[in-house]
Amino acid sequence: MVVGRIINEIVLIVTALFPIVNPVGGAPIFLALTRDISPAERRLLAWRVTVNGFFLLLGSILIGSHVLSFFGVSLPIVQVGGGLVVISTSWAMLKREDEPDRHDVKRTADSGVVLRKAFYPLTLPLTVGPGSIATAITLGANEPGRGLTGIALGLAAAVAGALIVCLTVFVCYGFSDRLVRLLGPAAVSVIVRLSAFLLTCVGLQIVWNGVSALVRTM
């Protein structure tokens, strides 16, 4: 019975977070931002993004609602602010595709410079964005208290669920370079443009959801 409860909570966390994190859709964007480093460095960067994303999701599930309450910040505000960041990042991606690559090669050839971008913007907001954080916080806030046993089960489910989602991020990001050989540069360029545009739309939707919630509270 205990195992069944843990499995049910893990399935709930994974099914709620995986479509929002969307590592498959984010892989072309990750590849475009890291196209000037070696595959080994790309996999190292993907691992750092995976670790960052895991702790972000786990922290959001376990203490996210308490942190927001402490600072007096509501979920709609997180959605509005995070959505604006998503729009800004995706818009820069759309513009970057039209710029010459020569300057970018000089700027990203140093792997240390690229690795410093592991948290922003590669982890936040491209991988674990405001939608993922808001969903994770909601999952944690809706978790009923069931004593020490319930807390332990919830912690185990949160760790396992976030780990499963983030491991898929590592697989999709770490081997995203194979998309170029499989699809070709032209197809990848189209996928990147479409993904960046869809990411802009997602950002707008997140902002709209936040604004709508704020208006309802007035």
Protein backbone atom coordinates (compact mmCIF):
# COMPACT_ATOMS: atom_id res chain seq x y z
CA MET A 1 0.00 0.00 0.00
CA VAL A 2 2.84 2.38 0.86
CA VAL A 3 4.62 1.53 -2.38
CA GLY A 4 1.42 2.12 -4.32
CA ARG A 5 0.99 5.57 -2.76
CA ILE A 6 4.56 6.52 -3.62
CA ILE A 7 4.13 5.30 -7.21
CA ASN A 8 0.90 7.25 -7.60
CA GLU A 9 2.55 10.45 -6.34
CA ILE A 10 5.58 9.93 -8.59
CA VAL A 11 3.32 9.43 -11.61
CA LEU A 12 1.39 12.58 -10.69
CA ILE A 13 4.58 14.65 -10.43
CA VAL A 14 6.06 13.32 -13.67
CA THR A 15 2.88 13.68 -15.71
CA ALA A 16 2.36 17.22 -14.42
CA LEU A 17 5.93 18.46 -14.95
CA PHE A 18 7.19 16.60 -18.03
CA PRO A 19 4.93 18.34 -20.61
CA ILE A 20 5.84 21.76 -19.17
CA VAL A 21 9.58 21.15 -18.90
CA ASN A 22 9.38 19.58 -22.38
CA PRO A 23 13.02 18.47 -22.78
CA VAL A 24 12.34 17.16 -26.29
CA GLY A 25 11.16 20.56 -27.49
CA GLY A 26 13.93 22.36 -25.63
CA ALA A 27 16.72 20.26 -27.13
CA PRO A 28 16.93 22.21 -30.43
CA ILE A 29 17.19 25.50 -28.55
CA PHE A 30 19.87 24.07 -26.27
CA LEU A 31 21.75 22.85 -29.34
CA ALA A 32 21.55 26.27 -30.98
CA LEU A 33 22.93 27.99 -27.89
CA THR A 34 25.80 25.48 -27.57
CA ARG A 35 26.61 24.74 -31.20
CA ASP A 36 30.18 26.10 -30.92
CA ILE A 37 31.42 23.78 -28.16
CA SER A 38 32.49 20.14 -28.36
CA PRO A 39 30.06 17.25 -27.74
CA ALA A 40 31.86 16.38 -24.49
CA GLU A 41 31.51 19.95 -23.23
CA ARG A 42 27.89 19.97 -24.33
CA ARG A 43 27.18 16.86 -22.30
CA LEU A 44 28.93 18.39 -19.29
CA LEU A 45 26.79 21.49 -19.70
CA ALA A 46 23.67 19.32 -20.06
CA TRP A 47 24.57 17.58 -16.79
CA ARG A 48 24.91 20.92 -15.01
CA VAL A 49 21.53 21.99 -16.37
CA THR A 50 20.10 18.67 -15.18
CA VAL A 51 21.46 19.12 -11.65
CA ASN A 52 20.29 22.75 -11.50
CA GLY A 53 16.86 21.80 -12.76
CA PHE A 54 16.55 18.96 -10.26
CA PHE A 55 17.23 21.19 -7.28
CA LEU A 56 14.95 23.91 -8.64
CA LEU A 57 12.04 21.51 -9.10
CA LEU A 58 12.65 19.72 -5.80
CA GLY A 59 12.97 22.98 -3.90
CA SER A 60 9.81 24.33 -5.53
CA ILE A 61 7.86 21.22 -4.54
CA LEU A 62 9.10 21.08 -0.95
CA ILE A 63 9.48 24.71 0.16
CA GLY A 64 8.31 26.85 -2.76
CA SER A 65 4.99 27.85 -1.25
CA HIS A 66 6.65 28.71 2.08
CA VAL A 67 9.28 30.89 0.38
CA LEU A 68 6.62 32.81 -1.54
CA SER A 69 4.58 33.30 1.62
CA PHE A 70 7.65 34.55 3.50
CA PHE A 71 8.35 37.23 0.87
CA GLY A 72 4.69 37.99 0.29
CA VAL A 73 4.82 36.97 -3.37
CA SER A 74 1.87 35.28 -5.03
CA LEU A 75 1.89 32.68 -7.79
CA PRO A 76 0.34 35.10 -10.34
CA ILE A 77 3.25 37.51 -9.79
CA VAL A 78 5.71 34.66 -10.38
CA GLN A 79 3.86 33.82 -13.60
CA VAL A 80 3.91 37.39 -14.88
CA GLY A 81 7.57 38.00 -14.06
CA GLY A 82 8.73 34.61 -15.28
CA GLY A 83 6.65 34.85 -18.44
CA LEU A 84 8.31 38.14 -19.33
CA VAL A 85 11.73 36.53 -18.92
CA VAL A 86 10.68 33.65 -21.19
CA ILE A 87 9.47 36.10 -23.84
CA SER A 88 12.70 38.08 -23.66
CA THR A 89 14.87 34.96 -24.02
CA SER A 90 12.88 33.44 -26.87
CA TRP A 91 12.75 36.76 -28.72
CA ALA A 92 16.53 37.00 -28.49
CA MET A 93 16.69 33.49 -29.94
CA LEU A 94 14.55 34.50 -32.90
CA LYS A 95 16.72 37.55 -33.59
CA ARG A 96 19.97 35.66 -33.11
CA GLU A 97 19.18 33.29 -35.94
CA ASP A 98 19.26 36.23 -38.35
CA GLU A 99 22.64 37.50 -37.13
CA PRO A 100 26.04 36.45 -38.51
CA ASP A 101 27.62 33.54 -36.65
CA ARG A 102 31.21 34.83 -36.76
CA HIS A 103 30.86 37.01 -33.68
CA ASP A 104 29.05 34.27 -31.80
CA VAL A 105 31.85 31.80 -32.49
CA LYS A 106 34.38 34.12 -30.88
CA ARG A 107 32.12 34.72 -27.96
CA THR A 108 31.18 31.09 -27.27
CA ALA A 109 34.39 29.31 -28.27
CA ASP A 110 35.58 29.57 -24.65
CA SER A 111 33.81 26.67 -22.93
CA GLY A 112 34.14 28.45 -19.58
CA VAL A 113 31.96 31.28 -20.85
CA VAL A 114 29.32 28.80 -21.99
CA LEU A 115 29.42 26.80 -18.76
CA ARG A 116 28.72 29.97 -16.79
CA LYS A 117 25.40 30.08 -18.63
CA ALA A 118 24.37 26.72 -17.21
CA PHE A 119 21.95 28.30 -14.74
CA TYR A 120 20.81 31.35 -16.70
CA PRO A 121 19.42 31.14 -19.31
CA LEU A 122 19.83 27.39 -19.98
CA THR A 123 18.29 26.12 -16.73
CA LEU A 124 16.13 29.13 -15.88
CA PRO A 125 13.98 29.92 -17.81
CA LEU A 126 14.60 27.69 -20.87
CA THR A 127 14.37 24.35 -19.04
CA VAL A 128 12.70 25.01 -15.69
CA GLY A 129 10.63 28.08 -16.39
CA PRO A 130 7.93 29.87 -14.43
CA GLY A 131 5.31 27.40 -15.60
CA SER A 132 7.30 24.47 -14.24
CA ILE A 133 8.06 26.28 -10.99
CA ALA A 134 4.43 27.31 -10.50
CA THR A 135 3.27 23.75 -11.18
CA ALA A 136 5.86 22.31 -8.77
CA ILE A 137 4.87 24.79 -6.07
CA THR A 138 1.21 23.89 -6.58
CA LEU A 139 2.00 20.18 -6.27
CA GLY A 140 3.82 20.82 -3.01
CA ALA A 141 1.16 23.15 -1.63
CA ASN A 142 -1.62 20.64 -2.31
CA GLU A 143 0.22 17.85 -0.52
CA PRO A 144 -1.78 17.09 2.66
CA GLY A 145 0.02 16.63 5.93
CA ARG A 146 0.03 13.00 7.08
CA GLY A 147 2.50 13.01 9.94
CA LEU A 148 6.10 11.92 9.76
CA THR A 149 5.28 8.93 7.55
CA GLY A 150 3.39 11.08 5.10
CA ILE A 151 6.19 13.65 5.00
CA ALA A 152 8.73 10.91 4.29
CA LEU A 153 6.57 9.47 1.51
CA GLY A 154 6.05 12.91 0.00
CA LEU A 155 9.78 13.61 0.12
CA ALA A 156 10.60 10.29 -1.57
CA ALA A 157 8.02 10.90 -4.28
CA ALA A 158 9.23 14.44 -4.88
CA VAL A 159 12.86 13.31 -5.21
CA ALA A 160 11.99 10.44 -7.54
CA GLY A 161 9.60 12.48 -9.70
CA ALA A 162 11.98 15.41 -10.13
CA LEU A 163 14.85 13.00 -10.82
CA ILE A 164 12.96 11.20 -13.59
CA VAL A 165 12.02 14.45 -15.30
CA CYS A 166 15.55 15.85 -15.08
CA LEU A 167 17.19 12.67 -16.34
CA THR A 168 15.14 13.02 -19.52
CA VAL A 169 16.53 16.55 -19.78
CA PHE A 170 20.08 15.17 -19.68
CA VAL A 171 19.35 12.58 -22.37
CA CYS A 172 17.68 15.08 -24.70
CA TYR A 173 20.19 17.90 -24.15
CA GLY A 174 23.35 15.83 -23.83
CA PHE A 175 22.83 14.11 -27.17
CA SER A 176 21.11 16.96 -28.99
CA ASP A 177 24.10 17.21 -31.35
CA ARG A 178 22.91 14.03 -33.02
CA LEU A 179 19.88 15.94 -34.27
CA VAL A 180 22.16 17.75 -36.72
CA ARG A 181 23.41 14.51 -38.25
CA LEU A 182 19.93 13.02 -38.24
CA LEU A 183 17.94 15.96 -39.58
CA GLY A 184 20.53 18.20 -41.21
CA PRO A 185 21.34 21.88 -40.59
CA ALA A 186 18.34 23.23 -42.54
CA ALA A 187 15.81 21.13 -40.62
CA VAL A 188 17.42 21.99 -37.29
CA SER A 189 17.32 25.70 -38.15
CA VAL A 190 13.59 25.42 -38.87
CA ILE A 191 13.02 23.50 -35.63
CA VAL A 192 14.93 26.14 -33.64
CA ARG A 193 12.87 28.94 -35.16
CA LEU A 194 9.60 27.15 -34.50
CA SER A 195 10.66 26.23 -30.95
CA ALA A 196 11.68 29.82 -30.21
CA PHE A 197 8.36 31.09 -31.56
CA LEU A 198 6.40 28.54 -29.53
CA LEU A 199 8.45 29.49 -26.48
CA THR A 200 7.41 33.11 -27.04
CA CYS A 201 3.77 32.00 -27.19
CA VAL A 202 4.22 29.97 -24.00
CA GLY A 203 5.66 33.04 -22.29
CA LEU A 204 2.70 35.12 -23.40
CA GLN A 205 0.30 32.47 -22.12
CA ILE A 206 2.06 32.39 -18.74
CA VAL A 207 1.85 36.18 -18.49
CA TRP A 208 -1.82 36.09 -19.46
CA ASN A 209 -2.57 33.44 -16.83
CA GLY A 210 -0.85 35.54 -14.19
CA VAL A 211 -2.60 38.76 -15.23
CA SER A 212 -5.99 37.02 -15.33
CA ALA A 213 -5.46 35.68 -11.81
CA LEU A 214 -4.43 39.13 -10.57
CA VAL A 215 -7.50 40.74 -12.15
CA ARG A 216 -9.79 38.21 -10.47
CA THR A 217 -8.37 39.17 -7.08
CA MET A 218 -9.17 42.86 -7.55
